[in-house]
């Protein structure tokens, strides 16, 4: 049977990130077959793993899906305000999956969901440098306004990574601008547009790394292809 490092297994189960799992092992909170685990231990699927006294269930089959999130849904598994959440749209998925990152209530487009905790943590980590591509419909446009979305820009006193900006369409004071960013700060694209004097009327994520939303209907989801999954794992 294939052996895997214990922290990788814990991360795959969604217990914690690999770094957090390593800390849990160091603190003596993890046991394997009744013995306190040590950092560097490897396990197989037949080993009994306990975390804080609770037996870890066998990991479910890894599932990777892409959802075309509509506006009006929050990117959480449960909302305290009772708003509709994206898990309602993937209830027919045979495994329980979780959103990778966020799209705010009024934004739409490509959203990844998975039960692969290690992959999700990697994609959401700021050091990932995975470009997310958005189409922004804006008002208040003036010639050259798109240049104000390029560096140097700051949010909350911290500089932003350089954005890729392409003007797609102009009609009077209305425009469509494509923006590619490698960070995921709160409402980042909307706030960047505000700094440029632009008001976003619609925001749609159309790409993440090599993945593209293409013609996936609004509110529908699909499994990622083997090639798409391989690409995501190449980022680990």
C-alpha atoms as a PDB file:
ATOM      1  CA  UNK A   1       0.000   0.000   0.000  1.00  0.00           C
ATOM      2  CA  UNK A   2       1.188   3.502  -0.780  1.00  0.00           C
ATOM      3  CA  UNK A   3       2.522   5.453   2.170  1.00  0.00           C
ATOM      4  CA  UNK A   4       1.934   9.177   2.539  1.00  0.00           C
ATOM      5  CA  UNK A   5       3.230  11.708   5.007  1.00  0.00           C
ATOM      6  CA  UNK A   6       0.840  12.136   7.888  1.00  0.00           C
ATOM      7  CA  UNK A   7       0.493  15.904   7.492  1.00  0.00           C
ATOM      8  CA  UNK A   8      -0.472  15.448   3.828  1.00  0.00           C
ATOM      9  CA  UNK A   9      -3.216  12.990   4.817  1.00  0.00           C
ATOM     10  CA  UNK A  10      -4.553  15.351   7.477  1.00  0.00           C
ATOM     11  CA  UNK A  11      -4.639  18.186   4.952  1.00  0.00           C
ATOM     12  CA  UNK A  12      -6.397  15.992   2.368  1.00  0.00           C
ATOM     13  CA  UNK A  13      -9.085  15.249   4.956  1.00  0.00           C
ATOM     14  CA  UNK A  14      -9.629  18.975   5.425  1.00  0.00           C
ATOM     15  CA  UNK A  15      -8.413  18.903   9.038  1.00  0.00           C
ATOM     16  CA  UNK A  16      -5.906  21.710   8.525  1.00  0.00           C
ATOM     17  CA  UNK A  17      -3.312  23.023   6.113  1.00  0.00           C
ATOM     18  CA  UNK A  18      -0.066  21.047   5.946  1.00  0.00           C
ATOM     19  CA  UNK A  19       1.757  23.584   8.085  1.00  0.00           C
ATOM     20  CA  UNK A  20      -1.024  23.573  10.667  1.00  0.00           C
ATOM     21  CA  UNK A  21      -1.068  19.762  10.601  1.00  0.00           C
ATOM     22  CA  UNK A  22       2.672  19.699  11.290  1.00  0.00           C
ATOM     23  CA  UNK A  23       2.094  21.917  14.314  1.00  0.00           C
ATOM     24  CA  UNK A  24      -0.679  19.609  15.559  1.00  0.00           C
ATOM     25  CA  UNK A  25       1.652  16.619  15.243  1.00  0.00           C
ATOM     26  CA  UNK A  26       4.431  18.456  17.087  1.00  0.00           C
ATOM     27  CA  UNK A  27       1.983  19.301  19.875  1.00  0.00           C
ATOM     28  CA  UNK A  28       1.143  15.612  20.317  1.00  0.00           C
ATOM     29  CA  UNK A  29      -2.483  15.989  19.252  1.00  0.00           C
ATOM     30  CA  UNK A  30      -2.284  13.231  16.635  1.00  0.00           C
ATOM     31  CA  UNK A  31      -2.094   9.465  17.233  1.00  0.00           C
ATOM     32  CA  UNK A  32      -1.588   6.636  14.730  1.00  0.00           C
ATOM     33  CA  UNK A  33      -2.693   3.140  15.719  1.00  0.00           C
ATOM     34  CA  UNK A  34      -2.811   4.266  19.341  1.00  0.00           C
ATOM     35  CA  UNK A  35       0.685   5.771  19.386  1.00  0.00           C
ATOM     36  CA  UNK A  36       1.518   9.455  19.515  1.00  0.00           C
ATOM     37  CA  UNK A  37       2.617  10.516  16.041  1.00  0.00           C
ATOM     38  CA  UNK A  38       5.906  12.191  15.254  1.00  0.00           C
ATOM     39  CA  UNK A  39       6.726  14.658  12.525  1.00  0.00           C
ATOM     40  CA  UNK A  40       7.874  12.699   9.468  1.00  0.00           C
ATOM     41  CA  UNK A  41       5.648   9.669  10.113  1.00  0.00           C
ATOM     42  CA  UNK A  42       4.048   8.032   7.094  1.00  0.00           C
ATOM     43  CA  UNK A  43       0.717   6.232   7.024  1.00  0.00           C
ATOM     44  CA  UNK A  44      -1.379   4.027   4.737  1.00  0.00           C
ATOM     45  CA  UNK A  45      -5.154   3.850   4.301  1.00  0.00           C
ATOM     46  CA  UNK A  46      -5.340   0.965   6.814  1.00  0.00           C
ATOM     47  CA  UNK A  47      -3.834   2.982   9.682  1.00  0.00           C
ATOM     48  CA  UNK A  48      -6.156   4.384  12.338  1.00  0.00           C
ATOM     49  CA  UNK A  49      -5.520   8.108  12.799  1.00  0.00           C
ATOM     50  CA  UNK A  50      -6.870  10.103  15.739  1.00  0.00           C
ATOM     51  CA  UNK A  51      -6.895  13.879  16.045  1.00  0.00           C
ATOM     52  CA  UNK A  52      -7.635  15.247  19.514  1.00  0.00           C
ATOM     53  CA  UNK A  53      -9.085  11.853  20.391  1.00  0.00           C
ATOM     54  CA  UNK A  54     -11.460  11.640  17.414  1.00  0.00           C
ATOM     55  CA  UNK A  55     -10.886   8.952  14.788  1.00  0.00           C
ATOM     56  CA  UNK A  56     -10.322  10.347  11.326  1.00  0.00           C
ATOM     57  CA  UNK A  57     -12.699   8.904   8.788  1.00  0.00           C
ATOM     58  CA  UNK A  58     -11.350   7.636   5.477  1.00  0.00           C
ATOM     59  CA  UNK A  59     -10.932  10.467   3.006  1.00  0.00           C
ATOM     60  CA  UNK A  60     -13.702  10.777   0.427  1.00  0.00           C
ATOM     61  CA  UNK A  61     -12.982  10.529  -3.276  1.00  0.00           C
ATOM     62  CA  UNK A  62     -11.360  13.810  -4.382  1.00  0.00           C
ATOM     63  CA  UNK A  63     -13.836  15.905  -6.333  1.00  0.00           C
ATOM     64  CA  UNK A  64     -13.056  19.049  -8.320  1.00  0.00           C
ATOM     65  CA  UNK A  65     -15.827  21.097  -9.886  1.00  0.00           C
ATOM     66  CA  UNK A  66     -16.349  24.467 -11.536  1.00  0.00           C
ATOM     67  CA  UNK A  67     -19.505  26.471 -10.830  1.00  0.00           C
ATOM     68  CA  UNK A  68     -20.823  29.461 -12.752  1.00  0.00           C
ATOM     69  CA  UNK A  69     -21.849  31.458  -9.706  1.00  0.00           C
ATOM     70  CA  UNK A  70     -24.809  33.795 -10.249  1.00  0.00           C
ATOM     71  CA  UNK A  71     -25.177  37.137  -8.541  1.00  0.00           C
ATOM     72  CA  UNK A  72     -27.126  37.018  -5.300  1.00  0.00           C
ATOM     73  CA  UNK A  73     -25.300  34.056  -3.730  1.00  0.00           C
ATOM     74  CA  UNK A  74     -22.679  34.209  -0.988  1.00  0.00           C
ATOM     75  CA  UNK A  75     -19.534  32.090  -1.210  1.00  0.00           C
ATOM     76  CA  UNK A  76     -19.911  30.280   2.096  1.00  0.00           C
ATOM     77  CA  UNK A  77     -21.341  26.951   3.228  1.00  0.00           C
ATOM     78  CA  UNK A  78     -23.768  28.597   5.640  1.00  0.00           C
ATOM     79  CA  UNK A  79     -24.693  32.257   6.003  1.00  0.00           C
ATOM     80  CA  UNK A  80     -25.638  33.755   9.367  1.00  0.00           C
ATOM     81  CA  UNK A  81     -27.931  36.239   7.625  1.00  0.00           C
ATOM     82  CA  UNK A  82     -29.877  33.508   5.879  1.00  0.00           C
ATOM     83  CA  UNK A  83     -28.794  34.522   2.375  1.00  0.00           C
ATOM     84  CA  UNK A  84     -28.556  31.978  -0.414  1.00  0.00           C
ATOM     85  CA  UNK A  85     -25.168  30.258  -0.539  1.00  0.00           C
ATOM     86  CA  UNK A  86     -23.373  28.520  -3.393  1.00  0.00           C
ATOM     87  CA  UNK A  87     -23.665  25.054  -1.836  1.00  0.00           C
ATOM     88  CA  UNK A  88     -27.359  25.157  -2.744  1.00  0.00           C
ATOM     89  CA  UNK A  89     -26.306  25.081  -6.386  1.00  0.00           C
ATOM     90  CA  UNK A  90     -24.159  21.940  -6.041  1.00  0.00           C
ATOM     91  CA  UNK A  91     -26.451  19.784  -3.922  1.00  0.00           C
ATOM     92  CA  UNK A  92     -26.548  17.156  -6.656  1.00  0.00           C
ATOM     93  CA  UNK A  93     -22.777  16.670  -6.392  1.00  0.00           C
ATOM     94  CA  UNK A  94     -22.244  13.212  -4.777  1.00  0.00           C
ATOM     95  CA  UNK A  95     -19.540  14.497  -2.410  1.00  0.00           C
ATOM     96  CA  UNK A  96     -19.615  17.456  -0.089  1.00  0.00           C
ATOM     97  CA  UNK A  97     -17.463  20.202  -1.556  1.00  0.00           C
ATOM     98  CA  UNK A  98     -16.323  23.609  -0.358  1.00  0.00           C
ATOM     99  CA  UNK A  99     -15.638  26.888  -2.191  1.00  0.00           C
ATOM    100  CA  UNK A 100     -12.045  27.732  -3.046  1.00  0.00           C
ATOM    101  CA  UNK A 101     -11.746  31.455  -2.354  1.00  0.00           C
ATOM    102  CA  UNK A 102     -14.572  33.941  -2.630  1.00  0.00           C
ATOM    103  CA  UNK A 103     -16.747  35.924  -4.983  1.00  0.00           C
ATOM    104  CA  UNK A 104     -18.803  38.603  -3.262  1.00  0.00           C
ATOM    105  CA  UNK A 105     -22.596  38.622  -3.237  1.00  0.00           C
ATOM    106  CA  UNK A 106     -22.947  40.806  -6.331  1.00  0.00           C
ATOM    107  CA  UNK A 107     -20.160  39.199  -8.353  1.00  0.00           C
ATOM    108  CA  UNK A 108     -20.551  36.252 -10.689  1.00  0.00           C
ATOM    109  CA  UNK A 109     -18.558  33.773 -12.687  1.00  0.00           C
ATOM    110  CA  UNK A 110     -15.992  31.033 -12.204  1.00  0.00           C
ATOM    111  CA  UNK A 111     -15.842  29.464  -8.755  1.00  0.00           C
ATOM    112  CA  UNK A 112     -13.961  26.279  -7.910  1.00  0.00           C
ATOM    113  CA  UNK A 113     -15.244  23.861  -5.266  1.00  0.00           C
ATOM    114  CA  UNK A 114     -13.485  20.774  -3.942  1.00  0.00           C
ATOM    115  CA  UNK A 115     -13.067  18.454  -0.975  1.00  0.00           C
ATOM    116  CA  UNK A 116      -9.285  18.470  -1.467  1.00  0.00           C
ATOM    117  CA  UNK A 117      -8.121  20.587   1.464  1.00  0.00           C
ATOM    118  CA  UNK A 118      -4.461  20.695   0.461  1.00  0.00           C
ATOM    119  CA  UNK A 119      -5.257  21.958  -3.007  1.00  0.00           C
ATOM    120  CA  UNK A 120      -7.757  24.515  -1.722  1.00  0.00           C
ATOM    121  CA  UNK A 121      -5.260  25.927   0.769  1.00  0.00           C
ATOM    122  CA  UNK A 122      -2.572  26.187  -1.904  1.00  0.00           C
ATOM    123  CA  UNK A 123      -4.825  28.011  -4.347  1.00  0.00           C
ATOM    124  CA  UNK A 124      -6.000  30.462  -1.686  1.00  0.00           C
ATOM    125  CA  UNK A 125      -2.525  31.220  -0.328  1.00  0.00           C
ATOM    126  CA  UNK A 126      -1.294  34.710  -1.304  1.00  0.00           C
ATOM    127  CA  UNK A 127       2.028  33.273  -2.490  1.00  0.00           C
ATOM    128  CA  UNK A 128       0.250  31.193  -5.136  1.00  0.00           C
ATOM    129  CA  UNK A 129       0.466  33.909  -7.788  1.00  0.00           C
ATOM    130  CA  UNK A 130      -2.365  32.254  -9.751  1.00  0.00           C
ATOM    131  CA  UNK A 131      -3.921  34.890 -11.989  1.00  0.00           C
ATOM    132  CA  UNK A 132      -7.652  35.427 -11.666  1.00  0.00           C
ATOM    133  CA  UNK A 133      -9.241  37.137 -14.657  1.00  0.00           C
ATOM    134  CA  UNK A 134     -12.300  39.392 -14.416  1.00  0.00           C
ATOM    135  CA  UNK A 135     -14.508  41.297 -16.811  1.00  0.00           C
ATOM    136  CA  UNK A 136     -15.602  44.633 -15.334  1.00  0.00           C
ATOM    137  CA  UNK A 137     -18.513  46.633 -16.696  1.00  0.00           C
ATOM    138  CA  UNK A 138     -18.039  50.206 -15.501  1.00  0.00           C
ATOM    139  CA  UNK A 139     -19.549  53.670 -15.766  1.00  0.00           C
ATOM    140  CA  UNK A 140     -17.780  56.999 -15.397  1.00  0.00           C
ATOM    141  CA  UNK A 141     -15.183  56.016 -17.971  1.00  0.00           C
ATOM    142  CA  UNK A 142     -12.893  58.650 -19.447  1.00  0.00           C
ATOM    143  CA  UNK A 143     -10.149  58.070 -21.997  1.00  0.00           C
ATOM    144  CA  UNK A 144      -7.126  56.492 -20.337  1.00  0.00           C
ATOM    145  CA  UNK A 145      -8.944  55.583 -17.111  1.00  0.00           C
ATOM    146  CA  UNK A 146      -7.790  51.976 -17.490  1.00  0.00           C
ATOM    147  CA  UNK A 147      -4.187  53.124 -17.041  1.00  0.00           C
ATOM    148  CA  UNK A 148      -5.042  54.095 -13.465  1.00  0.00           C
ATOM    149  CA  UNK A 149      -5.645  50.412 -12.704  1.00  0.00           C
ATOM    150  CA  UNK A 150      -1.994  49.659 -13.385  1.00  0.00           C
ATOM    151  CA  UNK A 151       0.791  50.052 -10.803  1.00  0.00           C
ATOM    152  CA  UNK A 152       1.603  51.655  -8.537  1.00  0.00           C
ATOM    153  CA  UNK A 153      -1.602  51.125  -6.543  1.00  0.00           C
ATOM    154  CA  UNK A 154      -2.198  50.643  -2.830  1.00  0.00           C
ATOM    155  CA  UNK A 155      -5.078  49.299  -0.771  1.00  0.00           C
ATOM    156  CA  UNK A 156      -5.172  49.711   2.999  1.00  0.00           C
ATOM    157  CA  UNK A 157      -1.667  51.182   2.904  1.00  0.00           C
ATOM    158  CA  UNK A 158      -0.131  48.147   1.195  1.00  0.00           C
ATOM    159  CA  UNK A 159       1.060  48.008  -2.430  1.00  0.00           C
ATOM    160  CA  UNK A 160      -0.756  45.733  -4.843  1.00  0.00           C
ATOM    161  CA  UNK A 161       0.889  43.280  -7.191  1.00  0.00           C
ATOM    162  CA  UNK A 162       0.853  44.617 -10.762  1.00  0.00           C
ATOM    163  CA  UNK A 163      -2.451  43.969 -12.548  1.00  0.00           C
ATOM    164  CA  UNK A 164      -2.910  43.030 -16.188  1.00  0.00           C
ATOM    165  CA  UNK A 165      -5.413  45.468 -17.699  1.00  0.00           C
ATOM    166  CA  UNK A 166      -7.018  45.377 -21.157  1.00  0.00           C
ATOM    167  CA  UNK A 167      -9.688  47.784 -22.401  1.00  0.00           C
ATOM    168  CA  UNK A 168     -12.245  45.621 -24.207  1.00  0.00           C
ATOM    169  CA  UNK A 169     -15.064  47.961 -25.164  1.00  0.00           C
ATOM    170  CA  UNK A 170     -16.098  51.627 -24.839  1.00  0.00           C
ATOM    171  CA  UNK A 171     -19.513  53.223 -25.341  1.00  0.00           C
ATOM    172  CA  UNK A 172     -19.564  56.823 -24.138  1.00  0.00           C
ATOM    173  CA  UNK A 173     -18.838  56.808 -20.415  1.00  0.00           C
ATOM    174  CA  UNK A 174     -19.421  53.041 -20.208  1.00  0.00           C
ATOM    175  CA  UNK A 175     -16.700  50.470 -20.747  1.00  0.00           C
ATOM    176  CA  UNK A 176     -15.761  46.832 -20.345  1.00  0.00           C
ATOM    177  CA  UNK A 177     -12.305  46.237 -18.909  1.00  0.00           C
ATOM    178  CA  UNK A 178     -10.498  42.928 -18.425  1.00  0.00           C
ATOM    179  CA  UNK A 179      -8.430  42.806 -15.242  1.00  0.00           C
ATOM    180  CA  UNK A 180      -6.049  40.017 -14.190  1.00  0.00           C
ATOM    181  CA  UNK A 181      -4.825  39.949 -10.582  1.00  0.00           C
ATOM    182  CA  UNK A 182      -2.697  37.533  -8.554  1.00  0.00           C
ATOM    183  CA  UNK A 183      -4.020  38.550  -5.141  1.00  0.00           C
ATOM    184  CA  UNK A 184      -7.403  38.172  -3.512  1.00  0.00           C
ATOM    185  CA  UNK A 185      -7.862  41.088  -1.161  1.00  0.00           C
ATOM    186  CA  UNK A 186     -11.359  41.968  -0.040  1.00  0.00           C
ATOM    187  CA  UNK A 187     -13.348  43.402  -2.998  1.00  0.00           C
ATOM    188  CA  UNK A 188     -10.014  44.122  -4.672  1.00  0.00           C
ATOM    189  CA  UNK A 189     -11.128  44.716  -8.265  1.00  0.00           C
ATOM    190  CA  UNK A 190     -14.078  46.879  -7.239  1.00  0.00           C
ATOM    191  CA  UNK A 191     -11.858  48.983  -4.981  1.00  0.00           C
ATOM    192  CA  UNK A 192      -9.203  49.323  -7.680  1.00  0.00           C
ATOM    193  CA  UNK A 193     -11.873  50.676 -10.023  1.00  0.00           C
ATOM    194  CA  UNK A 194     -13.021  53.128  -7.353  1.00  0.00           C
ATOM    195  CA  UNK A 195      -9.460  54.459  -7.130  1.00  0.00           C
ATOM    196  CA  UNK A 196      -9.590  55.011 -10.898  1.00  0.00           C
ATOM    197  CA  UNK A 197     -12.879  56.926 -10.629  1.00  0.00           C
ATOM    198  CA  UNK A 198     -14.903  54.074 -12.102  1.00  0.00           C
ATOM    199  CA  UNK A 199     -18.131  52.556 -10.807  1.00  0.00           C
ATOM    200  CA  UNK A 200     -18.500  48.800 -11.337  1.00  0.00           C
ATOM    201  CA  UNK A 201     -21.982  47.800 -12.452  1.00  0.00           C
ATOM    202  CA  UNK A 202     -21.127  44.166 -13.139  1.00  0.00           C
ATOM    203  CA  UNK A 203     -18.157  41.966 -12.236  1.00  0.00           C
ATOM    204  CA  UNK A 204     -17.588  38.506 -13.669  1.00  0.00           C
ATOM    205  CA  UNK A 205     -14.660  36.153 -13.101  1.00  0.00           C
ATOM    206  CA  UNK A 206     -13.908  34.306 -16.314  1.00  0.00           C
ATOM    207  CA  UNK A 207     -10.593  32.612 -15.580  1.00  0.00           C
ATOM    208  CA  UNK A 208      -8.318  31.243 -12.884  1.00  0.00           C
ATOM    209  CA  UNK A 209      -4.867  30.226 -14.007  1.00  0.00           C
ATOM    210  CA  UNK A 210      -5.344  28.059 -17.087  1.00  0.00           C
ATOM    211  CA  UNK A 211      -9.008  27.364 -16.285  1.00  0.00           C
ATOM    212  CA  UNK A 212     -11.710  29.205 -18.219  1.00  0.00           C
ATOM    213  CA  UNK A 213     -15.437  29.592 -17.592  1.00  0.00           C
ATOM    214  CA  UNK A 214     -16.239  29.541 -21.313  1.00  0.00           C
ATOM    215  CA  UNK A 215     -19.907  28.683 -21.991  1.00  0.00           C
ATOM    216  CA  UNK A 216     -20.850  27.029 -18.705  1.00  0.00           C
ATOM    217  CA  UNK A 217     -24.445  28.242 -18.065  1.00  0.00           C
ATOM    218  CA  UNK A 218     -25.172  30.499 -15.110  1.00  0.00           C
ATOM    219  CA  UNK A 219     -25.997  28.491 -11.988  1.00  0.00           C
ATOM    220  CA  UNK A 220     -24.637  25.246 -13.446  1.00  0.00           C
ATOM    221  CA  UNK A 221     -21.551  23.235 -12.523  1.00  0.00           C
ATOM    222  CA  UNK A 222     -19.305  20.658 -14.162  1.00  0.00           C
ATOM    223  CA  UNK A 223     -16.472  18.352 -13.166  1.00  0.00           C
ATOM    224  CA  UNK A 224     -12.997  19.517 -14.077  1.00  0.00           C
ATOM    225  CA  UNK A 225     -11.322  17.493 -16.797  1.00  0.00           C
ATOM    226  CA  UNK A 226      -8.325  15.272 -15.997  1.00  0.00           C
ATOM    227  CA  UNK A 227      -6.103  17.841 -17.696  1.00  0.00           C
ATOM    228  CA  UNK A 228      -7.525  20.656 -15.558  1.00  0.00           C
ATOM    229  CA  UNK A 229      -7.051  18.642 -12.361  1.00  0.00           C
ATOM    230  CA  UNK A 230      -3.466  17.812 -13.353  1.00  0.00           C
ATOM    231  CA  UNK A 231      -2.822  21.502 -13.923  1.00  0.00           C
ATOM    232  CA  UNK A 232      -4.128  22.406 -10.464  1.00  0.00           C
ATOM    233  CA  UNK A 233      -1.969  19.726  -8.827  1.00  0.00           C
ATOM    234  CA  UNK A 234       1.048  21.068 -10.685  1.00  0.00           C
ATOM    235  CA  UNK A 235       0.642  24.192  -8.559  1.00  0.00           C
ATOM    236  CA  UNK A 236       1.229  22.281  -5.301  1.00  0.00           C
END
